[in-house]
Amino acid sequence: MSDFPKNAEEAKLDREVTRQELTETLEALGTKLDVKTRVKESVDEKLDEATAKLPEPAASKVRAGAEVVRRNKIPVLAGFAGLLIVIKIIVSRSRS
């Protein structure tokens, strides 16, 4: 039982250390649980990696396109879904 504080001053210091450790743990958990931010950071990393391999005019167009998608998610996803449906119809008709 040597870990138990011997006096009030040790108890106060122990409490402060524990409070600091809990704060750090909660901040780390909050960062891990913030899925939206983590996904955004991951997408930004992948976009940076992809555009680094392109010449500058193309890279700036890709970045601008990505920004348009970020601002207009629903219309872009709806357009993409419509495109997939059209492709599926064309493929199914060509097989017939």
C-alpha atoms as a PDB file:
ATOM      1  CA  MET A   1       0.000   0.000   0.000  1.00  0.00           C
ATOM      2  CA  SER A   2       2.916   2.340  -0.629  1.00  0.00           C
ATOM      3  CA  ASP A   3       0.934   4.020  -3.466  1.00  0.00           C
ATOM      4  CA  PHE A   4      -1.602   5.439  -1.037  1.00  0.00           C
ATOM      5  CA  PRO A   5      -0.920   9.145  -0.285  1.00  0.00           C
ATOM      6  CA  LYS A   6       0.522   9.693   3.184  1.00  0.00           C
ATOM      7  CA  ASN A   7      -0.723  13.233   3.690  1.00  0.00           C
ATOM      8  CA  ALA A   8      -3.044  15.853   2.220  1.00  0.00           C
ATOM      9  CA  GLU A   9      -0.346  17.353  -0.015  1.00  0.00           C
ATOM     10  CA  GLU A  10       0.433  13.977  -1.607  1.00  0.00           C
ATOM     11  CA  ALA A  11      -3.294  13.338  -2.058  1.00  0.00           C
ATOM     12  CA  LYS A  12      -3.695  16.688  -3.801  1.00  0.00           C
ATOM     13  CA  LEU A  13      -0.742  15.991  -6.127  1.00  0.00           C
ATOM     14  CA  ASP A  14      -2.061  12.495  -6.842  1.00  0.00           C
ATOM     15  CA  ARG A  15      -5.482  13.920  -7.658  1.00  0.00           C
ATOM     16  CA  GLU A  16      -3.955  16.490 -10.041  1.00  0.00           C
ATOM     17  CA  VAL A  17      -1.897  13.841 -11.841  1.00  0.00           C
ATOM     18  CA  THR A  18      -4.952  11.602 -12.158  1.00  0.00           C
ATOM     19  CA  ARG A  19      -7.041  14.500 -13.452  1.00  0.00           C
ATOM     20  CA  GLN A  20      -4.385  15.321 -16.078  1.00  0.00           C
ATOM     21  CA  GLU A  21      -4.174  11.666 -17.168  1.00  0.00           C
ATOM     22  CA  LEU A  22      -7.954  11.446 -17.471  1.00  0.00           C
ATOM     23  CA  THR A  23      -8.048  14.655 -19.507  1.00  0.00           C
ATOM     24  CA  GLU A  24      -5.429  13.306 -21.915  1.00  0.00           C
ATOM     25  CA  THR A  25      -7.271   9.985 -22.197  1.00  0.00           C
ATOM     26  CA  LEU A  26     -10.597  11.686 -22.906  1.00  0.00           C
ATOM     27  CA  GLU A  27      -9.025  13.928 -25.538  1.00  0.00           C
ATOM     28  CA  ALA A  28      -7.468  10.895 -27.247  1.00  0.00           C
ATOM     29  CA  LEU A  29     -10.811   9.067 -27.182  1.00  0.00           C
ATOM     30  CA  GLY A  30     -12.602  12.115 -28.531  1.00  0.00           C
ATOM     31  CA  THR A  31     -10.159  12.278 -31.433  1.00  0.00           C
ATOM     32  CA  LYS A  32     -10.602   8.586 -32.202  1.00  0.00           C
ATOM     33  CA  LEU A  33     -14.378   8.797 -32.035  1.00  0.00           C
ATOM     34  CA  ASP A  34     -14.602  11.853 -34.293  1.00  0.00           C
ATOM     35  CA  VAL A  35     -15.173   9.764 -37.407  1.00  0.00           C
ATOM     36  CA  LYS A  36     -16.226  12.686 -39.606  1.00  0.00           C
ATOM     37  CA  THR A  37     -12.955  14.536 -39.028  1.00  0.00           C
ATOM     38  CA  ARG A  38     -10.875  11.367 -39.413  1.00  0.00           C
ATOM     39  CA  VAL A  39     -12.534  10.543 -42.734  1.00  0.00           C
ATOM     40  CA  LYS A  40     -12.032  14.106 -43.974  1.00  0.00           C
ATOM     41  CA  GLU A  41      -8.343  13.983 -43.025  1.00  0.00           C
ATOM     42  CA  SER A  42      -7.954  10.612 -44.739  1.00  0.00           C
ATOM     43  CA  VAL A  43      -9.606  11.886 -47.918  1.00  0.00           C
ATOM     44  CA  ASP A  44      -7.403  14.985 -47.842  1.00  0.00           C
ATOM     45  CA  GLU A  45      -4.289  12.789 -47.518  1.00  0.00           C
ATOM     46  CA  LYS A  46      -5.327  10.579 -50.435  1.00  0.00           C
ATOM     47  CA  LEU A  47      -6.171  13.618 -52.539  1.00  0.00           C
ATOM     48  CA  ASP A  48      -2.773  15.153 -51.778  1.00  0.00           C
ATOM     49  CA  GLU A  49      -1.023  11.893 -52.696  1.00  0.00           C
ATOM     50  CA  ALA A  50      -2.949  11.616 -55.962  1.00  0.00           C
ATOM     51  CA  THR A  51      -2.468  15.236 -57.000  1.00  0.00           C
ATOM     52  CA  ALA A  52       1.253  15.135 -56.169  1.00  0.00           C
ATOM     53  CA  LYS A  53       1.693  12.737 -59.107  1.00  0.00           C
ATOM     54  CA  LEU A  54      -0.093  15.045 -61.562  1.00  0.00           C
ATOM     55  CA  PRO A  55       1.170  18.108 -63.409  1.00  0.00           C
ATOM     56  CA  GLU A  56       0.033  21.340 -61.740  1.00  0.00           C
ATOM     57  CA  PRO A  57      -2.801  22.315 -64.130  1.00  0.00           C
ATOM     58  CA  ALA A  58      -4.398  18.881 -63.768  1.00  0.00           C
ATOM     59  CA  ALA A  59      -3.788  18.788 -60.013  1.00  0.00           C
ATOM     60  CA  SER A  60      -5.536  22.127 -59.479  1.00  0.00           C
ATOM     61  CA  LYS A  61      -8.523  20.907 -61.527  1.00  0.00           C
ATOM     62  CA  VAL A  62      -8.745  17.726 -59.450  1.00  0.00           C
ATOM     63  CA  ARG A  63      -8.619  19.756 -56.227  1.00  0.00           C
ATOM     64  CA  ALA A  64     -11.317  22.111 -57.542  1.00  0.00           C
ATOM     65  CA  GLY A  65     -13.466  19.120 -58.507  1.00  0.00           C
ATOM     66  CA  ALA A  66     -13.027  17.591 -55.066  1.00  0.00           C
ATOM     67  CA  GLU A  67     -14.098  20.874 -53.489  1.00  0.00           C
ATOM     68  CA  VAL A  68     -17.239  20.962 -55.660  1.00  0.00           C
ATOM     69  CA  VAL A  69     -18.082  17.415 -54.537  1.00  0.00           C
ATOM     70  CA  ARG A  70     -17.583  18.373 -50.876  1.00  0.00           C
ATOM     71  CA  ARG A  71     -19.942  21.338 -51.176  1.00  0.00           C
ATOM     72  CA  ASN A  72     -22.594  19.486 -53.216  1.00  0.00           C
ATOM     73  CA  LYS A  73     -22.537  15.926 -51.892  1.00  0.00           C
ATOM     74  CA  ILE A  74     -26.169  14.992 -52.487  1.00  0.00           C
ATOM     75  CA  PRO A  75     -26.468  16.215 -56.109  1.00  0.00           C
ATOM     76  CA  VAL A  76     -23.134  14.612 -57.011  1.00  0.00           C
ATOM     77  CA  LEU A  77     -24.086  11.297 -55.391  1.00  0.00           C
ATOM     78  CA  ALA A  78     -27.487  11.384 -57.092  1.00  0.00           C
ATOM     79  CA  GLY A  79     -25.806  12.004 -60.448  1.00  0.00           C
ATOM     80  CA  PHE A  80     -23.363   9.173 -59.830  1.00  0.00           C
ATOM     81  CA  ALA A  81     -26.204   6.815 -58.894  1.00  0.00           C
ATOM     82  CA  GLY A  82     -28.083   7.836 -62.059  1.00  0.00           C
ATOM     83  CA  LEU A  83     -24.991   7.156 -64.133  1.00  0.00           C
ATOM     84  CA  LEU A  84     -24.657   3.687 -62.605  1.00  0.00           C
ATOM     85  CA  ILE A  85     -28.305   2.935 -63.405  1.00  0.00           C
ATOM     86  CA  VAL A  86     -27.847   4.035 -67.021  1.00  0.00           C
ATOM     87  CA  ILE A  87     -24.728   1.875 -67.353  1.00  0.00           C
ATOM     88  CA  LYS A  88     -26.564  -1.115 -65.894  1.00  0.00           C
ATOM     89  CA  ILE A  89     -29.464  -0.642 -68.350  1.00  0.00           C
ATOM     90  CA  ILE A  90     -27.055  -0.389 -71.303  1.00  0.00           C
ATOM     91  CA  VAL A  91     -25.141  -3.496 -70.208  1.00  0.00           C
ATOM     92  CA  SER A  92     -28.327  -5.511 -69.651  1.00  0.00           C
ATOM     93  CA  ARG A  93     -29.687  -4.514 -73.095  1.00  0.00           C
ATOM     94  CA  SER A  94     -26.436  -5.394 -74.827  1.00  0.00           C
ATOM     95  CA  ARG A  95     -26.544  -8.888 -73.299  1.00  0.00           C
ATOM     96  CA  SER A  96     -30.079  -9.490 -74.554  1.00  0.00           C
END
